[in-house]
N, C-alpha and C. Protein backbone atom coordinates (compact mmCIF):
# COMPACT_ATOMS: atom_id res chain seq x y z
N MET A 1 -5.32 -8.76 -2.88
CA MET A 1 -6.06 -9.23 -2.05
C MET A 1 -6.73 -10.77 -2.52
N ARG A 2 -6.42 -11.79 -1.45
CA ARG A 2 -6.46 -12.93 -1.68
C ARG A 2 -8.07 -13.52 -1.07
N GLY A 3 -8.39 -13.11 0.09
CA GLY A 3 -9.68 -13.37 0.45
C GLY A 3 -9.42 -14.91 0.99
N ARG A 4 -10.21 -15.65 1.40
CA ARG A 4 -10.40 -16.90 2.14
C ARG A 4 -11.07 -17.77 1.55
N THR A 5 -10.93 -19.21 0.97
CA THR A 5 -11.97 -19.82 0.43
C THR A 5 -11.68 -21.39 0.96
N LEU A 6 -12.57 -21.94 0.75
CA LEU A 6 -12.49 -23.51 1.62
C LEU A 6 -11.47 -24.35 0.60
N PRO A 7 -10.79 -25.20 1.12
CA PRO A 7 -9.70 -25.94 0.47
C PRO A 7 -10.35 -26.58 -0.87
N GLY A 8 -9.92 -26.46 -1.89
CA GLY A 8 -10.25 -26.83 -3.40
C GLY A 8 -11.35 -26.27 -3.78
N GLU A 9 -12.05 -25.25 -3.49
CA GLU A 9 -13.19 -24.78 -4.01
C GLU A 9 -12.65 -23.12 -4.54
N GLN A 10 -13.70 -22.89 -5.39
CA GLN A 10 -13.30 -21.68 -6.69
C GLN A 10 -14.84 -21.14 -6.48
N SER A 11 -14.81 -19.77 -6.71
CA SER A 11 -15.98 -19.21 -6.56
C SER A 11 -15.98 -17.93 -7.52
N ALA A 12 -16.58 -17.83 -9.03
CA ALA A 12 -16.38 -16.86 -9.91
C ALA A 12 -16.87 -15.53 -9.12
N GLU A 13 -17.84 -15.51 -8.67
CA GLU A 13 -18.66 -14.31 -7.89
C GLU A 13 -17.44 -13.82 -7.19
N PHE A 14 -17.19 -14.54 -6.21
CA PHE A 14 -16.39 -14.31 -4.96
C PHE A 14 -14.85 -13.46 -5.67
N THR A 15 -14.33 -14.13 -6.56
CA THR A 15 -13.27 -13.67 -7.14
C THR A 15 -13.42 -12.24 -8.07
N ARG A 16 -14.75 -12.09 -8.63
CA ARG A 16 -15.11 -10.60 -9.30
C ARG A 16 -15.25 -9.67 -8.25
N ALA A 17 -15.88 -10.19 -7.13
CA ALA A 17 -16.01 -9.25 -6.02
C ALA A 17 -14.70 -8.69 -5.35
N VAL A 18 -13.45 -9.60 -4.98
CA VAL A 18 -12.09 -9.26 -4.67
C VAL A 18 -11.71 -8.42 -5.81
N SER A 19 -11.75 -8.52 -6.96
CA SER A 19 -11.38 -7.52 -8.20
C SER A 19 -11.99 -6.15 -8.04
N ALA A 20 -13.33 -6.21 -7.76
CA ALA A 20 -14.09 -4.98 -7.75
C ALA A 20 -13.43 -4.41 -6.59
N LEU A 21 -13.01 -5.05 -5.27
CA LEU A 21 -12.74 -4.27 -4.00
C LEU A 21 -11.05 -3.54 -4.54
N ARG A 22 -10.58 -4.64 -5.28
CA ARG A 22 -9.14 -3.92 -5.66
C ARG A 22 -9.10 -2.86 -6.57
N ASP A 23 -10.08 -2.62 -7.39
CA ASP A 23 -10.10 -1.73 -8.52
C ASP A 23 -11.02 -0.44 -7.74
N ALA A 24 -11.38 -0.41 -6.65
CA ALA A 24 -12.09 0.97 -6.19
C ALA A 24 -11.25 1.93 -6.01
N ARG A 25 -11.29 3.06 -6.42
CA ARG A 25 -10.91 4.09 -6.47
C ARG A 25 -10.81 5.20 -5.21
N LEU A 26 -10.15 5.03 -4.00
CA LEU A 26 -10.29 5.41 -2.90
C LEU A 26 -9.56 6.88 -3.13
N ARG A 27 -10.07 7.81 -2.00
CA ARG A 27 -9.44 8.84 -1.99
C ARG A 27 -7.91 8.68 -1.36
N PRO A 28 -7.08 9.59 -1.42
CA PRO A 28 -5.64 9.48 -1.25
C PRO A 28 -5.47 9.44 0.38
N GLU A 29 -6.30 9.97 1.03
CA GLU A 29 -6.26 10.04 2.45
C GLU A 29 -6.37 8.64 3.15
N VAL A 30 -7.13 7.81 2.39
CA VAL A 30 -7.61 6.44 2.92
C VAL A 30 -6.57 5.55 2.65
N ARG A 31 -5.84 4.90 3.73
CA ARG A 31 -4.69 3.85 3.64
C ARG A 31 -5.32 2.83 3.85
N ILE A 32 -5.74 1.78 3.07
CA ILE A 32 -6.44 0.48 3.04
C ILE A 32 -5.16 -0.89 3.19
N THR A 33 -5.49 -1.84 4.29
CA THR A 33 -4.32 -3.07 3.99
C THR A 33 -5.39 -4.27 4.04
N GLU A 34 -4.98 -5.29 3.57
CA GLU A 34 -5.81 -6.52 3.65
C GLU A 34 -5.06 -7.29 4.62
N VAL A 35 -5.99 -7.80 5.53
CA VAL A 35 -5.73 -8.32 7.00
C VAL A 35 -6.29 -10.15 6.55
N PRO A 36 -6.23 -11.02 7.84
CA PRO A 36 -6.83 -12.29 7.93
C PRO A 36 -8.10 -11.95 7.78
N ALA A 37 -8.90 -12.49 7.03
CA ALA A 37 -10.39 -12.73 7.02
C ALA A 37 -10.91 -13.66 8.14
N PRO A 38 -12.14 -13.32 8.77
CA PRO A 38 -12.39 -14.14 10.08
C PRO A 38 -12.76 -15.41 9.26
N GLN A 39 -12.60 -16.47 10.35
CA GLN A 39 -13.10 -17.76 10.19
C GLN A 39 -14.21 -18.41 10.28
N ARG A 40 -14.75 -19.21 9.60
CA ARG A 40 -16.13 -20.07 9.90
C ARG A 40 -17.57 -19.21 9.67
N ILE A 41 -17.16 -18.11 9.39
CA ILE A 41 -18.50 -17.03 9.24
C ILE A 41 -19.31 -17.59 8.15
N ALA A 42 -18.49 -17.61 6.80
CA ALA A 42 -18.95 -17.92 5.67
C ALA A 42 -17.69 -18.32 4.76
N PRO A 43 -18.18 -19.00 3.68
CA PRO A 43 -17.17 -19.94 2.85
C PRO A 43 -15.97 -19.07 2.36
N TYR A 44 -16.52 -17.93 1.96
CA TYR A 44 -15.53 -17.07 1.36
C TYR A 44 -15.62 -15.70 2.12
N ALA A 45 -14.42 -15.19 2.38
CA ALA A 45 -14.12 -13.59 3.17
C ALA A 45 -13.13 -13.01 2.65
N VAL A 46 -13.28 -11.79 2.82
CA VAL A 46 -11.96 -10.78 2.60
C VAL A 46 -12.32 -9.87 3.81
N ALA A 47 -11.00 -9.43 4.26
CA ALA A 47 -10.91 -8.23 5.10
C ALA A 47 -10.12 -7.15 4.88
N LEU A 48 -10.81 -5.75 5.22
CA LEU A 48 -9.66 -4.98 4.93
C LEU A 48 -9.74 -3.95 6.24
N THR A 49 -8.44 -3.42 6.37
CA THR A 49 -8.61 -2.45 7.32
C THR A 49 -8.05 -1.22 7.09
N ALA A 50 -8.46 -0.10 7.26
CA ALA A 50 -8.10 1.26 6.76
C ALA A 50 -8.16 2.48 7.93
N GLU A 51 -6.98 3.31 7.60
CA GLU A 51 -6.62 4.51 8.28
C GLU A 51 -6.80 5.57 7.47
N VAL A 52 -7.48 6.82 7.90
CA VAL A 52 -7.95 8.03 7.29
C VAL A 52 -6.62 8.93 8.08
N VAL A 53 -5.99 9.63 6.97
CA VAL A 53 -4.92 10.58 7.38
C VAL A 53 -5.14 11.86 7.12
N ALA A 54 -4.68 12.87 7.50
CA ALA A 54 -5.32 14.53 7.22
C ALA A 54 -4.88 14.67 5.49
N SER A 55 -3.74 14.31 4.91
CA SER A 55 -3.17 14.20 3.64
C SER A 55 -2.30 12.93 3.50
N ALA A 56 -2.04 12.91 1.84
CA ALA A 56 -1.32 11.66 1.69
C ALA A 56 0.18 11.81 2.43
N SER A 57 0.68 13.16 2.40
CA SER A 57 2.06 13.06 3.24
C SER A 57 1.89 13.25 4.64
N ASP A 58 0.99 12.99 5.41
CA ASP A 58 0.77 13.04 6.66
C ASP A 58 0.18 11.69 7.63
N ASP A 59 0.80 11.25 8.47
CA ASP A 59 0.63 10.17 9.11
C ASP A 59 -0.28 10.28 10.27
N GLU A 60 -0.78 11.14 10.46
CA GLU A 60 -1.59 11.57 11.64
C GLU A 60 -3.02 10.85 11.55
N GLU A 61 -2.99 9.70 12.33
CA GLU A 61 -4.30 9.12 11.90
C GLU A 61 -5.61 9.94 12.48
N LEU A 62 -6.53 10.11 11.51
CA LEU A 62 -7.91 10.85 11.68
C LEU A 62 -9.04 9.94 12.03
N ALA A 63 -8.99 8.45 11.59
CA ALA A 63 -9.92 7.76 11.70
C ALA A 63 -9.32 6.16 11.10
N SER A 64 -9.87 5.34 11.67
CA SER A 64 -9.54 3.67 11.50
C SER A 64 -10.85 3.07 11.29
N GLY A 65 -11.10 1.70 10.47
CA GLY A 65 -11.91 0.95 10.59
C GLY A 65 -11.40 -0.43 10.08
N ARG A 66 -12.56 -1.15 9.96
CA ARG A 66 -12.18 -2.39 9.22
C ARG A 66 -13.79 -2.87 8.26
N PHE A 67 -13.38 -3.38 7.05
CA PHE A 67 -14.48 -3.74 6.29
C PHE A 67 -14.36 -5.17 5.66
N VAL A 68 -15.39 -5.94 5.91
CA VAL A 68 -15.16 -7.66 5.76
C VAL A 68 -16.19 -7.58 4.65
N LEU A 69 -16.06 -8.56 3.68
CA LEU A 69 -17.16 -8.78 2.71
C LEU A 69 -17.14 -10.24 2.52
N LEU A 70 -18.23 -11.04 3.20
CA LEU A 70 -18.50 -12.14 3.20
C LEU A 70 -19.62 -12.62 2.18
N HIS A 71 -19.23 -13.84 1.63
CA HIS A 71 -19.82 -14.56 0.39
C HIS A 71 -20.52 -16.17 1.07
N ASP A 72 -21.75 -16.39 1.16
CA ASP A 72 -22.34 -17.76 1.04
C ASP A 72 -23.33 -17.80 0.21
N PRO A 73 -23.04 -18.68 -0.81
CA PRO A 73 -24.01 -19.02 -1.60
C PRO A 73 -25.50 -19.62 -1.08
N SER A 74 -25.23 -20.07 0.05
CA SER A 74 -26.42 -20.55 0.51
C SER A 74 -27.32 -19.51 0.87
N SER A 75 -27.06 -18.28 0.99
CA SER A 75 -27.88 -17.03 1.20
C SER A 75 -28.66 -17.32 2.73
N PRO A 76 -27.80 -17.22 3.75
CA PRO A 76 -28.39 -17.23 5.04
C PRO A 76 -29.44 -16.53 5.48
N GLN A 77 -30.30 -16.77 5.99
CA GLN A 77 -31.91 -16.20 6.30
C GLN A 77 -31.63 -14.59 6.90
N PRO A 78 -30.80 -14.51 7.96
CA PRO A 78 -30.65 -12.98 8.31
C PRO A 78 -30.23 -12.29 7.32
N TRP A 79 -29.26 -12.89 6.58
CA TRP A 79 -28.46 -12.07 5.77
C TRP A 79 -29.63 -11.60 4.30
N GLU A 80 -30.55 -12.28 4.15
CA GLU A 80 -31.41 -12.01 2.84
C GLU A 80 -30.96 -11.68 1.74
N GLY A 81 -29.71 -12.80 1.57
CA GLY A 81 -28.82 -12.65 0.33
C GLY A 81 -27.39 -13.53 0.13
N GLU A 82 -26.82 -13.63 -0.66
CA GLU A 82 -25.76 -14.09 -0.59
C GLU A 82 -24.31 -13.56 -0.06
N TRP A 83 -24.46 -12.24 -0.07
CA TRP A 83 -23.23 -11.26 0.49
C TRP A 83 -23.67 -10.77 1.86
N ARG A 84 -22.58 -10.30 2.83
CA ARG A 84 -23.12 -9.49 3.74
C ARG A 84 -21.74 -8.52 4.12
N ALA A 85 -21.88 -7.39 4.14
CA ALA A 85 -20.69 -6.40 4.36
C ALA A 85 -20.82 -6.14 5.87
N VAL A 86 -19.66 -6.16 6.40
CA VAL A 86 -19.54 -6.23 7.90
C VAL A 86 -18.75 -5.15 8.45
N THR A 87 -18.93 -3.99 8.69
CA THR A 87 -17.91 -2.78 8.98
C THR A 87 -18.04 -2.42 10.58
N PHE A 88 -16.70 -1.62 10.56
CA PHE A 88 -16.32 -1.00 11.65
C PHE A 88 -15.72 0.30 11.27
N ALA A 89 -16.31 1.39 12.00
CA ALA A 89 -15.28 2.76 11.66
C ALA A 89 -15.34 3.49 13.07
N ARG A 90 -14.21 4.17 13.46
CA ARG A 90 -13.85 4.82 14.59
C ARG A 90 -13.13 6.08 14.63
N ALA A 91 -13.34 7.26 15.04
CA ALA A 91 -12.87 8.51 15.19
C ALA A 91 -12.82 9.21 16.62
N GLU A 92 -11.86 9.75 16.79
CA GLU A 92 -12.16 10.57 17.92
C GLU A 92 -12.49 12.16 17.28
N LEU A 93 -13.61 12.65 18.48
CA LEU A 93 -14.55 13.95 17.92
C LEU A 93 -14.01 14.89 19.20
N GLU A 94 -14.64 15.92 18.77
CA GLU A 94 -14.39 16.92 19.72
C GLU A 94 -15.16 17.11 20.80
N PRO A 95 -14.44 17.08 22.42
CA PRO A 95 -15.18 16.87 23.45
C PRO A 95 -16.48 17.27 23.68
N GLU A 96 -16.54 18.51 23.00
CA GLU A 96 -18.12 19.06 23.12
C GLU A 96 -19.26 18.51 22.67
N VAL A 97 -18.93 17.49 21.82
CA VAL A 97 -20.10 16.70 21.28
C VAL A 97 -20.48 15.70 22.41
N ALA A 98 -19.58 15.66 23.27
CA ALA A 98 -19.93 14.28 24.13
C ALA A 98 -21.38 14.19 24.72
N GLY A 99 -21.84 15.02 25.09
CA GLY A 99 -23.46 15.28 25.35
C GLY A 99 -24.48 15.64 24.54
N ASP A 100 -24.12 15.51 23.09
CA ASP A 100 -25.55 15.77 22.24
C ASP A 100 -26.08 14.21 22.19
N PRO A 101 -27.34 14.22 22.33
CA PRO A 101 -28.25 13.11 22.35
C PRO A 101 -28.30 12.65 20.98
N MET A 102 -28.27 13.83 19.79
CA MET A 102 -28.50 13.25 18.56
C MET A 102 -26.96 12.65 17.85
N LEU A 103 -25.81 12.46 18.56
CA LEU A 103 -24.95 11.93 18.23
C LEU A 103 -25.00 10.51 17.28
N GLY A 104 -25.76 9.62 18.42
CA GLY A 104 -25.95 8.34 17.73
C GLY A 104 -26.71 8.52 16.06
N ALA A 105 -27.94 9.14 16.22
CA ALA A 105 -28.49 9.08 15.10
C ALA A 105 -27.78 9.83 13.79
N VAL A 106 -27.26 10.99 14.30
CA VAL A 106 -26.23 11.25 13.20
C VAL A 106 -25.24 10.24 12.65
N GLY A 107 -24.28 9.76 13.57
CA GLY A 107 -23.40 8.80 13.09
C GLY A 107 -23.94 7.66 12.02
N TRP A 108 -25.52 7.10 12.26
CA TRP A 108 -26.20 6.31 11.43
C TRP A 108 -26.68 6.91 10.01
N SER A 109 -26.99 8.29 10.23
CA SER A 109 -27.37 8.60 9.22
C SER A 109 -26.21 9.02 8.07
N TRP A 110 -24.99 9.07 8.57
CA TRP A 110 -23.62 9.13 7.72
C TRP A 110 -23.48 8.27 7.16
N LEU A 111 -23.73 6.93 7.65
CA LEU A 111 -23.56 5.62 7.14
C LEU A 111 -24.73 5.43 5.89
N ILE A 112 -25.78 5.63 6.08
CA ILE A 112 -26.91 5.76 5.27
C ILE A 112 -26.71 6.53 3.97
N ASP A 113 -26.30 7.90 4.17
CA ASP A 113 -26.19 9.05 3.26
C ASP A 113 -24.91 8.28 2.45
N ALA A 114 -23.92 7.68 3.25
CA ALA A 114 -22.92 7.28 2.21
C ALA A 114 -23.02 6.18 1.24
N LEU A 115 -24.16 5.36 1.65
CA LEU A 115 -24.49 4.15 0.93
C LEU A 115 -25.41 4.55 -0.22
N GLU A 116 -26.46 5.82 0.09
CA GLU A 116 -27.26 6.24 -0.97
C GLU A 116 -26.58 7.30 -1.80
N SER A 117 -25.41 8.18 -1.46
CA SER A 117 -25.04 8.72 -2.43
C SER A 117 -24.08 8.13 -3.50
N ARG A 118 -23.57 6.72 -3.04
CA ARG A 118 -23.04 5.87 -3.66
C ARG A 118 -24.00 5.03 -4.96
N GLY A 119 -25.23 5.31 -4.64
CA GLY A 119 -26.10 4.63 -5.33
C GLY A 119 -26.23 3.17 -5.37
N VAL A 120 -25.72 2.58 -4.24
CA VAL A 120 -25.62 1.20 -3.96
C VAL A 120 -26.91 0.67 -3.84
N ASP A 121 -27.08 -0.66 -4.09
CA ASP A 121 -28.79 -1.33 -3.56
C ASP A 121 -28.12 -2.21 -2.58
N TYR A 122 -28.88 -2.08 -1.05
CA TYR A 122 -28.87 -3.25 0.01
C TYR A 122 -29.74 -3.14 0.55
N GLY A 123 -29.89 -4.15 1.77
CA GLY A 123 -30.96 -4.45 2.43
C GLY A 123 -30.51 -4.90 3.70
N ALA A 124 -31.51 -5.51 4.75
CA ALA A 124 -31.12 -6.15 6.20
C ALA A 124 -29.93 -5.50 6.70
N GLU A 125 -30.00 -3.91 6.74
CA GLU A 125 -29.08 -3.18 7.16
C GLU A 125 -29.33 -3.22 8.89
N ALA A 126 -28.05 -3.36 9.63
CA ALA A 126 -28.21 -3.22 11.15
C ALA A 126 -27.00 -2.62 11.69
N GLY A 127 -26.92 -2.00 12.90
CA GLY A 127 -25.66 -1.81 13.33
C GLY A 127 -25.85 -0.96 14.62
N THR A 128 -25.00 -0.58 15.16
CA THR A 128 -24.71 0.32 16.21
C THR A 128 -23.98 1.79 16.30
N VAL A 129 -24.00 2.71 17.00
CA VAL A 129 -23.50 4.03 17.11
C VAL A 129 -22.84 4.26 18.47
N THR A 130 -21.84 3.66 19.09
CA THR A 130 -21.19 4.30 20.41
C THR A 130 -20.52 5.28 20.46
N ARG A 131 -20.67 6.12 21.75
CA ARG A 131 -19.72 7.36 21.75
C ARG A 131 -19.06 6.83 23.66
N VAL A 132 -17.57 6.99 23.50
CA VAL A 132 -16.89 6.60 24.21
C VAL A 132 -16.06 7.83 24.77
N VAL A 133 -16.52 8.22 25.93
CA VAL A 133 -16.17 9.31 26.43
C VAL A 133 -14.99 9.11 27.79
N SER A 134 -13.86 9.46 27.60
CA SER A 134 -12.55 9.15 28.55
C SER A 134 -12.31 10.33 29.46
N GLU A 135 -12.01 10.01 30.48
CA GLU A 135 -11.75 11.31 31.38
C GLU A 135 -10.60 10.80 32.49
N SER A 136 -9.53 11.44 32.39
CA SER A 136 -8.29 11.08 33.30
C SER A 136 -8.37 12.09 34.71
N PHE A 137 -7.93 11.12 35.93
CA PHE A 137 -8.07 11.46 37.13
C PHE A 137 -6.68 11.28 37.64
N ALA A 138 -6.36 11.89 38.80
CA ALA A 138 -5.08 11.52 39.93
C ALA A 138 -4.23 12.04 38.95
N GLY A 139 -3.16 11.15 38.85
CA GLY A 139 -1.79 11.11 37.99
C GLY A 139 -1.86 11.62 36.54
N LEU A 140 -3.13 11.49 36.05
CA LEU A 140 -3.38 11.56 34.81
C LEU A 140 -4.52 12.98 34.71
N SER A 141 -4.64 13.74 35.45
CA SER A 141 -5.67 14.44 35.43
C SER A 141 -5.33 15.88 34.52
N ASP A 142 -4.08 16.08 33.92
CA ASP A 142 -3.30 16.91 32.97
C ASP A 142 -4.40 16.56 31.63
N ARG A 143 -4.41 15.37 31.65
CA ARG A 143 -4.82 14.97 30.11
C ARG A 143 -6.35 15.52 29.84
N GLU A 144 -6.95 15.99 28.69
CA GLU A 144 -7.95 16.56 28.52
C GLU A 144 -9.07 15.25 28.04
N PRO A 145 -10.10 15.79 28.59
CA PRO A 145 -11.12 14.54 28.15
C PRO A 145 -11.20 14.01 26.49
N THR A 146 -11.59 12.69 26.20
CA THR A 146 -11.38 12.59 24.75
C THR A 146 -12.91 11.85 24.51
N VAL A 147 -13.69 12.11 23.39
CA VAL A 147 -14.70 11.38 23.05
C VAL A 147 -14.48 10.65 21.53
N GLU A 148 -14.64 9.34 21.49
CA GLU A 148 -14.48 8.45 20.07
C GLU A 148 -16.16 8.01 19.94
N MET A 149 -16.26 8.09 18.58
CA MET A 149 -17.65 7.73 18.06
C MET A 149 -17.09 6.41 17.35
N GLU A 150 -17.97 5.29 17.66
CA GLU A 150 -17.42 3.90 16.72
C GLU A 150 -19.21 3.71 16.04
N VAL A 151 -18.86 3.28 14.72
CA VAL A 151 -20.11 2.91 13.98
C VAL A 151 -19.73 1.45 13.56
N ARG A 152 -20.54 0.79 14.03
CA ARG A 152 -20.47 -0.70 13.83
C ARG A 152 -21.81 -1.19 12.85
N ALA A 153 -21.79 -1.61 11.51
CA ALA A 153 -22.86 -1.68 10.79
C ALA A 153 -22.55 -2.81 9.80
N SER A 154 -23.46 -3.38 9.36
CA SER A 154 -23.70 -4.59 8.39
C SER A 154 -24.67 -4.37 7.73
N TRP A 155 -24.60 -4.83 6.37
CA TRP A 155 -25.73 -4.79 5.39
C TRP A 155 -25.44 -5.81 4.31
N THR A 156 -26.39 -6.23 3.47
CA THR A 156 -26.43 -6.95 2.67
C THR A 156 -26.45 -6.64 1.15
N PRO A 157 -25.23 -6.16 0.76
CA PRO A 157 -25.31 -5.68 -0.65
C PRO A 157 -26.04 -6.19 -1.69
N HIS A 158 -26.63 -5.80 -2.67
CA HIS A 158 -27.62 -6.38 -3.93
C HIS A 158 -26.97 -5.84 -5.00
N GLY A 159 -26.91 -6.67 -6.28
CA GLY A 159 -26.43 -6.18 -7.41
C GLY A 159 -24.94 -6.82 -7.52
N SER A 160 -24.10 -6.20 -8.50
CA SER A 160 -22.70 -6.81 -8.93
C SER A 160 -21.92 -5.66 -8.51
N ASP A 161 -21.99 -4.40 -8.17
CA ASP A 161 -21.14 -3.51 -8.08
C ASP A 161 -20.45 -3.51 -6.75
N LEU A 162 -19.71 -4.64 -6.19
CA LEU A 162 -19.25 -4.70 -4.65
C LEU A 162 -18.46 -3.56 -4.31
N GLY A 163 -17.47 -3.20 -4.96
CA GLY A 163 -16.72 -2.28 -5.10
C GLY A 163 -17.08 -0.35 -4.45
N ALA A 164 -18.44 -0.49 -4.78
CA ALA A 164 -19.03 0.63 -4.60
C ALA A 164 -19.62 0.79 -2.98
N HIS A 165 -19.94 -0.35 -2.75
CA HIS A 165 -20.07 -0.61 -0.64
C HIS A 165 -18.67 -0.39 -0.28
N LEU A 166 -17.57 -0.68 -0.83
CA LEU A 166 -16.29 -0.19 -0.14
C LEU A 166 -16.01 1.07 -0.12
N LEU A 167 -16.54 1.74 -1.27
CA LEU A 167 -16.52 3.37 -1.50
C LEU A 167 -17.33 3.89 -0.56
N ALA A 168 -18.42 3.40 -0.43
CA ALA A 168 -19.52 4.13 0.49
C ALA A 168 -18.74 4.00 2.27
N TRP A 169 -18.48 2.91 2.33
CA TRP A 169 -17.71 2.52 3.52
C TRP A 169 -16.63 3.54 3.88
N SER A 170 -15.74 3.67 2.92
CA SER A 170 -14.58 4.79 3.08
C SER A 170 -15.16 6.15 3.03
N ASP A 171 -16.18 6.47 2.60
CA ASP A 171 -16.78 7.53 2.62
C ASP A 171 -17.24 8.02 4.01
N LEU A 172 -17.77 7.25 4.76
CA LEU A 172 -18.35 7.23 6.20
C LEU A 172 -17.26 7.46 6.91
N LEU A 173 -15.89 6.73 6.76
CA LEU A 173 -14.43 6.98 7.25
C LEU A 173 -14.08 8.56 7.32
N CYS A 174 -14.46 8.80 5.87
CA CYS A 174 -13.53 10.23 5.58
C CYS A 174 -14.66 11.09 6.61
N THR A 175 -16.04 11.08 6.73
CA THR A 175 -16.95 12.08 7.33
C THR A 175 -16.32 11.95 8.64
N ILE A 176 -16.44 10.76 9.42
CA ILE A 176 -16.34 10.73 10.84
C ILE A 176 -14.75 11.27 11.05
N ALA A 177 -14.11 11.29 10.16
CA ALA A 177 -12.62 11.80 10.38
C ALA A 177 -12.59 13.37 10.23
N GLY A 178 -13.80 13.77 9.65
CA GLY A 178 -13.88 15.48 9.58
C GLY A 178 -13.27 15.99 8.17
N LEU A 179 -12.87 15.05 7.39
CA LEU A 179 -12.41 15.44 5.69
C LEU A 179 -13.90 16.12 4.96
N PRO A 180 -13.60 17.03 4.37
CA PRO A 180 -14.88 17.29 3.33
C PRO A 180 -15.11 16.67 2.38
N PRO A 181 -16.20 16.44 2.01
CA PRO A 181 -16.37 15.92 0.89
C PRO A 181 -15.86 15.86 -0.49
N LEU A 182 -15.43 15.17 -1.37
CA LEU A 182 -15.14 15.75 -2.80
C LEU A 182 -16.12 16.47 -3.41
N PRO A 183 -15.68 17.44 -4.10
CA PRO A 183 -16.43 17.97 -4.77
C PRO A 183 -17.46 17.15 -6.15
N ASP A 184 -18.26 17.38 -6.38
CA ASP A 184 -18.98 16.81 -7.90
C ASP A 184 -18.21 16.55 -8.77
N GLY A 185 -17.91 15.52 -9.70
CA GLY A 185 -16.74 15.47 -10.58
C GLY A 185 -15.54 15.65 -10.46
N VAL A 186 -15.33 15.28 -9.11
CA VAL A 186 -13.66 15.04 -8.84
C VAL A 186 -13.57 13.73 -8.42
N VAL A 187 -12.52 13.27 -9.03
CA VAL A 187 -12.38 11.63 -8.51
C VAL A 187 -11.46 11.41 -8.33
N ALA A 188 -11.34 10.64 -7.01
CA ALA A 188 -10.13 10.53 -6.14
C ALA A 188 -9.31 9.47 -6.78
N LEU A 189 -7.69 9.96 -6.68
CA LEU A 189 -6.76 9.30 -7.29
C LEU A 189 -6.63 7.75 -6.15
N PRO A 190 -6.25 6.55 -6.46
CA PRO A 190 -6.21 5.66 -5.81
C PRO A 190 -5.31 5.95 -4.28
N GLY A 191 -6.03 5.22 -3.36
CA GLY A 191 -5.47 5.42 -2.01
C GLY A 191 -4.11 4.48 -1.79
N GLN A 192 -3.15 4.79 -1.06
CA GLN A 192 -1.91 4.02 -0.87
C GLN A 192 -2.43 2.36 -0.29
N ARG A 193 -1.82 1.37 -0.99
CA ARG A 193 -1.98 0.25 -0.85
C ARG A 193 -1.04 -0.37 -0.18
N ARG A 194 -1.12 -1.27 0.94
CA ARG A 194 0.23 -1.94 1.52
C ARG A 194 0.15 -3.22 1.39
């Protein structure tokens, strides 16, 4: 992972953060890829996309998302710190959950539970949970309705273990994909990196 930096500048903190992301031990069902980081938001940025598959040998996508880690030593006021994690997670759900009035609250609780189960320190969290219901008509009427959940969230990581924030986000991805949590004491082998 290279990350984006301003020409001629180096940041030891950002280099350590990128190393922590690289060293994070993701579940084998999570396939992660570095992509170009957003420009002009922060002096330092790294972006990753991920897809969750049913098993390491199965290419059927169950969920997908994006994790961006931003670093600005000037600590922008809305961030309440030097770091900002900006994330997106999406998965198709069973059509019968489309009308559940608690779906948004449940989606947000999955994120908070993932952060708390990893024991990370964070603040200034914000986000949305969106459900998208698609129904087909006329020439496409033979298609079943589909429901997608999208969790868009950002938070300010505190402390030095930034890899744990990536792990928490990947836990959210696995949850919305419908994968069962790993049992206590089981350590995931590294996911496939491209």
